[in-house]
Every structure is written in structure tokens, then in C-alpha cells.
């Protein structure tokens, strides 16, 4: 039974220790017909979300009509990185400055992100796919289904092989879990057998992909997963 934590002002808030439990989603899942499919990419700071976004742009940019929304708290650094990397036409990249914890803009009040997606769809009619990259957050950070049709959660080996078994809705409920930077596992003492087995145990039938963007810079396994989701792909 969830514990309750009082704040001394006449009401209490539940504290839920279920590692699969997410905050209530305030928004209904949006219908997908007639608009671009939206994939959210979340995960902790430094896990490689922007690098994965860039890799997907390289892999898919010539196949599908693609655009990106990035989220940063105070800057447009992730959008600037993607523009400088030349992975997409700069006009296909919109930056959202959340001004608060990133989960606020991807889960609690998704207006700014929906507005950014709408600008891209007006600018580029017929978009097939919009990738929405969250700012760096914690293991509880998940996208509202009113914003993202599918969700990717990215962790990396530098956080330690304990991360998957710590759970949290990002790890346990995202449609895809990506364990990133496996090329440095031996340098940081991360046991990949432990990390992957814990990830599968925590996620059940939900997929897990391990990758090194140094070795496979176009993220082929994740790109194939994205392709499998798209209702329409270019020939």
C-alpha cells in the first residue's frame, strides 16, 4: 500500500514505491491519423539522447519526411548541436526551452512541445515522423501519450550496471530501452551481462537494445525499430 507523506497544510500526497508506476497522464492519447508519428526520446543527462537523435536523422533522413523537437531547460544547445552536425535541414529542428524540470514539458504541460510540432507540420506538410527529445531527467520521466505515440528511454553504462534494476517508469514502461555507450563498459566497470539481464527482467517482453554509437554511428537497430512503427515510409 502506498505510503503517504504529509506537508502540514491539510492534505497528503501518496508516495508510490512501485518501480513501474508513472505519474498520472493528464492527456488522452492523440489519434495518429492525418499527422506525423511522434517518437519521444528521454533519459538521464549525458546518456546520449542527442547523439541517438542525430544518428536516427542520419539513418532515416533520406527515407522519411522527418523533423525534430529538442527540449532544454534554459538553452537551445541540443538543437544547436543537431544543426551544426548537419544531420537535417536546420529549419526542420525546433527548440523548446522548458524553464523547469524537463518532465514538466513532456508530461505535465505538453503545450510548448505540441506547438513546436505544429510549427514543423505547417512548415513541412506531409511529415512522416517527428522525434521529440526530452531534456535530461531521472528514471521517472516518461512522455504523455498525448505528446508521444512511442517512447524510447536511453541509459548508458557510465551510470553503472545497477541502473536497469533500479527501475522507474522510464526503464520499465518505455516502448524501447536503449543501453548506450557499451564500448566503454570495460572502462567504467559495468558488467553488460548483468545490465542486460536486469533490463530484460525489469521490462518483461518490452525490447532492449544495446549499442555503441562509436561502432555503429547510424544506430541501425534503433533505426529498424523506428521503421517498424511508421505507418507510411518512403520507398
Protein backbone atom coordinates (compact mmCIF):
# COMPACT_ATOMS: atom_id res chain seq x y z
CA UNK A 1 0.00 0.00 0.00
CA UNK A 2 1.48 3.39 -0.94
CA UNK A 3 2.87 5.44 1.92
CA UNK A 4 1.58 8.94 2.48
CA UNK A 5 3.69 11.99 3.13
CA UNK A 6 2.08 14.99 4.80
CA UNK A 7 3.10 18.59 4.16
CA UNK A 8 1.32 20.12 7.14
CA UNK A 9 -1.20 22.03 5.05
CA UNK A 10 -4.32 19.95 5.31
CA UNK A 11 -3.70 17.21 2.74
CA UNK A 12 -1.31 14.41 1.91
CA UNK A 13 0.35 13.19 -1.28
CA UNK A 14 0.81 9.47 -1.98
CA UNK A 15 4.35 8.16 -2.34
CA UNK A 16 4.39 5.12 -4.62
CA UNK A 17 7.33 2.72 -4.45
CA UNK A 18 6.18 0.59 -7.39
CA UNK A 19 9.09 0.81 -9.89
CA UNK A 20 6.67 0.57 -12.80
CA UNK A 21 4.28 3.29 -11.62
CA UNK A 22 4.22 6.59 -13.50
CA UNK A 23 2.58 9.86 -12.61
CA UNK A 24 -0.98 10.10 -13.91
CA UNK A 25 -1.13 11.15 -17.56
CA UNK A 26 -3.32 14.24 -17.77
CA UNK A 27 -3.84 13.87 -21.52
CA UNK A 28 -5.66 11.35 -23.66
CA UNK A 29 -3.68 9.55 -26.34
CA UNK A 30 -3.93 11.60 -29.51
CA UNK A 31 -5.21 9.94 -32.71
CA UNK A 32 -2.38 9.28 -35.15
CA UNK A 33 -4.26 9.56 -38.43
CA UNK A 34 -3.57 12.63 -40.54
CA UNK A 35 -0.44 13.72 -38.74
CA UNK A 36 3.22 12.81 -38.25
CA UNK A 37 4.04 9.87 -35.99
CA UNK A 38 5.74 11.17 -32.83
CA UNK A 39 8.53 9.34 -31.02
CA UNK A 40 9.79 10.65 -27.67
CA UNK A 41 13.39 10.08 -26.59
CA UNK A 42 14.06 10.50 -22.86
CA UNK A 43 16.70 9.56 -20.31
CA UNK A 44 19.20 10.93 -17.81
CA UNK A 45 21.61 13.78 -18.51
CA UNK A 46 24.55 12.61 -20.61
CA UNK A 47 23.06 9.25 -21.57
CA UNK A 48 23.31 10.02 -25.29
CA UNK A 49 19.82 11.21 -26.25
CA UNK A 50 21.05 13.91 -28.63
CA UNK A 51 23.63 11.59 -30.17
CA UNK A 52 20.91 8.99 -30.75
CA UNK A 53 18.63 11.63 -32.25
CA UNK A 54 21.44 12.66 -34.62
CA UNK A 55 22.07 9.03 -35.54
CA UNK A 56 18.39 8.48 -36.36
CA UNK A 57 18.36 11.61 -38.50
CA UNK A 58 21.35 10.27 -40.45
CA UNK A 59 19.78 6.84 -40.82
CA UNK A 60 16.24 7.91 -41.70
CA UNK A 61 16.51 11.41 -43.16
CA UNK A 62 16.69 10.19 -46.77
CA UNK A 63 13.85 7.70 -46.29
CA UNK A 64 11.12 9.57 -44.44
CA UNK A 65 9.90 13.15 -44.12
CA UNK A 66 11.44 13.86 -40.74
CA UNK A 67 11.72 16.70 -38.21
CA UNK A 68 12.96 17.10 -34.62
CA UNK A 69 11.93 18.95 -31.48
CA UNK A 70 14.54 19.31 -28.72
CA UNK A 71 13.99 20.27 -25.09
CA UNK A 72 16.47 22.10 -22.85
CA UNK A 73 15.73 23.94 -19.63
CA UNK A 74 17.40 27.28 -20.37
CA UNK A 75 19.29 26.92 -23.65
CA UNK A 76 18.85 25.66 -27.21
CA UNK A 77 22.09 23.68 -27.01
CA UNK A 78 20.75 20.34 -28.25
CA UNK A 79 19.05 21.94 -31.25
CA UNK A 80 22.21 23.91 -31.98
CA UNK A 81 24.27 20.69 -31.84
CA UNK A 82 21.99 18.98 -34.36
CA UNK A 83 22.03 21.97 -36.69
CA UNK A 84 25.83 22.22 -36.58
CA UNK A 85 26.13 18.47 -37.16
CA UNK A 86 24.21 18.92 -40.41
CA UNK A 87 22.00 15.88 -39.84
CA UNK A 88 18.88 17.73 -41.05
CA UNK A 89 17.92 20.98 -42.73
CA UNK A 90 18.12 23.47 -39.81
CA UNK A 91 14.53 24.52 -40.49
CA UNK A 92 13.44 21.00 -39.57
CA UNK A 93 14.68 21.42 -35.98
CA UNK A 94 12.64 23.27 -33.34
CA UNK A 95 13.93 24.05 -29.84
CA UNK A 96 11.77 24.20 -26.71
CA UNK A 97 13.11 25.88 -23.58
CA UNK A 98 11.19 24.28 -20.72
CA UNK A 99 12.22 26.68 -17.94
CA UNK A 100 11.62 23.87 -15.44
CA UNK A 101 12.34 20.18 -14.98
CA UNK A 102 12.14 18.53 -18.41
CA UNK A 103 9.32 16.18 -17.43
CA UNK A 104 7.11 19.25 -16.99
CA UNK A 105 7.09 19.89 -20.75
CA UNK A 106 6.87 16.27 -21.91
CA UNK A 107 4.28 15.04 -19.40
CA UNK A 108 2.59 17.68 -17.26
CA UNK A 109 2.05 20.58 -19.68
CA UNK A 110 2.84 19.48 -23.21
CA UNK A 111 1.62 22.69 -24.87
CA UNK A 112 5.05 24.05 -25.85
CA UNK A 113 6.03 20.77 -27.49
CA UNK A 114 2.72 20.42 -29.31
CA UNK A 115 3.13 24.00 -30.56
CA UNK A 116 6.64 23.17 -31.82
CA UNK A 117 5.34 20.07 -33.62
CA UNK A 118 2.54 22.12 -35.16
CA UNK A 119 5.01 24.70 -36.46
CA UNK A 120 7.03 21.95 -38.10
CA UNK A 121 3.94 20.37 -39.66
CA UNK A 122 2.89 23.73 -41.08
CA UNK A 123 6.40 24.36 -42.40
CA UNK A 124 6.79 20.88 -43.89
CA UNK A 125 3.41 19.46 -44.94
CA UNK A 126 3.26 15.69 -45.05
CA UNK A 127 5.76 14.98 -42.30
CA UNK A 128 6.00 11.25 -41.58
CA UNK A 129 7.91 11.43 -38.30
CA UNK A 130 8.75 13.92 -35.56
CA UNK A 131 11.35 12.93 -32.98
CA UNK A 132 10.88 14.75 -29.67
CA UNK A 133 13.99 14.71 -27.50
CA UNK A 134 13.47 15.42 -23.82
CA UNK A 135 15.94 17.29 -21.70
CA UNK A 136 17.94 15.13 -19.31
CA UNK A 137 15.81 13.85 -16.45
CA UNK A 138 15.54 10.97 -13.99
CA UNK A 139 14.22 7.41 -14.13
CA UNK A 140 10.62 8.52 -13.59
CA UNK A 141 10.49 10.74 -16.66
CA UNK A 142 8.05 9.49 -19.30
CA UNK A 143 6.20 11.26 -22.09
CA UNK A 144 2.49 11.89 -22.04
CA UNK A 145 0.75 9.71 -24.62
CA UNK A 146 -0.89 12.92 -25.76
CA UNK A 147 2.55 14.01 -26.99
CA UNK A 148 4.46 10.85 -27.98
CA UNK A 149 2.98 7.84 -29.73
CA UNK A 150 6.00 5.71 -28.77
CA UNK A 151 8.74 6.29 -26.24
CA UNK A 152 12.45 5.45 -26.13
CA UNK A 153 14.35 5.63 -22.84
CA UNK A 154 18.15 5.88 -23.02
CA UNK A 155 20.57 4.93 -20.25
CA UNK A 156 24.32 4.48 -20.51
CA UNK A 157 26.90 2.23 -18.96
CA UNK A 158 28.66 5.14 -17.23
CA UNK A 159 25.69 5.33 -14.86
CA UNK A 160 26.59 1.84 -13.67
CA UNK A 161 25.19 -1.60 -14.36
CA UNK A 162 22.78 -1.11 -11.46
CA UNK A 163 20.61 1.38 -13.38
CA UNK A 164 18.16 -1.04 -15.06
CA UNK A 165 17.37 -2.89 -11.84
CA UNK A 166 16.62 0.39 -10.08
CA UNK A 167 13.55 0.52 -12.29
CA UNK A 168 11.44 3.62 -12.58
CA UNK A 169 8.80 4.13 -15.27
CA UNK A 170 11.36 5.29 -17.81
CA UNK A 171 13.15 1.94 -17.64
CA UNK A 172 10.16 -0.32 -17.10
CA UNK A 173 7.43 1.17 -19.29
CA UNK A 174 9.12 2.85 -22.29
CA UNK A 175 8.38 1.12 -25.58
CA UNK A 176 12.12 0.68 -26.12
CA UNK A 177 15.05 0.78 -23.68
CA UNK A 178 18.44 1.65 -25.17
CA UNK A 179 21.61 0.89 -23.22
CA UNK A 180 24.17 3.21 -24.73
CA UNK A 181 27.99 3.52 -24.84
CA UNK A 182 28.67 -0.19 -24.45
CA UNK A 183 32.13 0.37 -25.95
CA UNK A 184 33.28 1.90 -22.65
CA UNK A 185 31.70 -0.65 -20.31
CA UNK A 186 35.08 -2.19 -19.50
CA UNK A 187 36.49 1.23 -18.65
CA UNK A 188 33.79 2.07 -16.11
CA UNK A 189 33.44 -1.40 -14.59
CA UNK A 190 29.94 -2.06 -15.95
CA UNK A 191 29.04 -5.73 -16.36
CA UNK A 192 27.00 -5.92 -19.58
CA UNK A 193 25.66 -9.39 -18.76
CA UNK A 194 24.24 -8.06 -15.50
CA UNK A 195 22.94 -4.88 -17.11
CA UNK A 196 21.12 -6.60 -19.97
CA UNK A 197 19.70 -9.43 -17.86
CA UNK A 198 18.40 -6.95 -15.29
CA UNK A 199 16.90 -4.82 -18.06
CA UNK A 200 15.03 -7.79 -19.54
CA UNK A 201 13.88 -8.90 -16.08
CA UNK A 202 12.50 -5.44 -15.26
CA UNK A 203 10.84 -5.00 -18.68
CA UNK A 204 9.37 -8.40 -19.40
CA UNK A 205 8.55 -8.62 -23.11
CA UNK A 206 9.42 -5.00 -23.91
CA UNK A 207 12.52 -4.69 -26.13
CA UNK A 208 16.04 -3.74 -25.07
CA UNK A 209 18.78 -2.63 -27.47
CA UNK A 210 22.45 -2.27 -26.54
CA UNK A 211 24.57 -0.07 -28.75
CA UNK A 212 27.74 1.92 -29.25
CA UNK A 213 27.38 4.95 -31.49
CA UNK A 214 31.16 4.87 -31.88
CA UNK A 215 30.93 1.46 -33.51
CA UNK A 216 27.55 1.92 -35.24
CA UNK A 217 27.07 5.68 -35.74
CA UNK A 218 23.73 5.31 -37.55
CA UNK A 219 22.14 3.30 -34.70
CA UNK A 220 20.92 0.59 -37.10
CA UNK A 221 18.99 -1.47 -34.55
CA UNK A 222 17.09 1.53 -33.21
CA UNK A 223 16.50 2.84 -36.74
CA UNK A 224 14.99 -0.53 -37.71
CA UNK A 225 12.73 -0.38 -34.65
CA UNK A 226 11.55 3.08 -35.69
CA UNK A 227 10.92 1.91 -39.26
CA UNK A 228 8.73 -0.87 -37.92
CA UNK A 229 6.45 1.71 -36.25
CA UNK A 230 5.87 4.06 -39.13
CA UNK A 231 2.50 3.69 -40.83
CA UNK A 232 3.96 5.13 -44.05
CA UNK A 233 7.57 5.05 -45.17
CA UNK A 234 9.15 6.37 -48.32
CA UNK A 235 10.19 3.83 -50.94
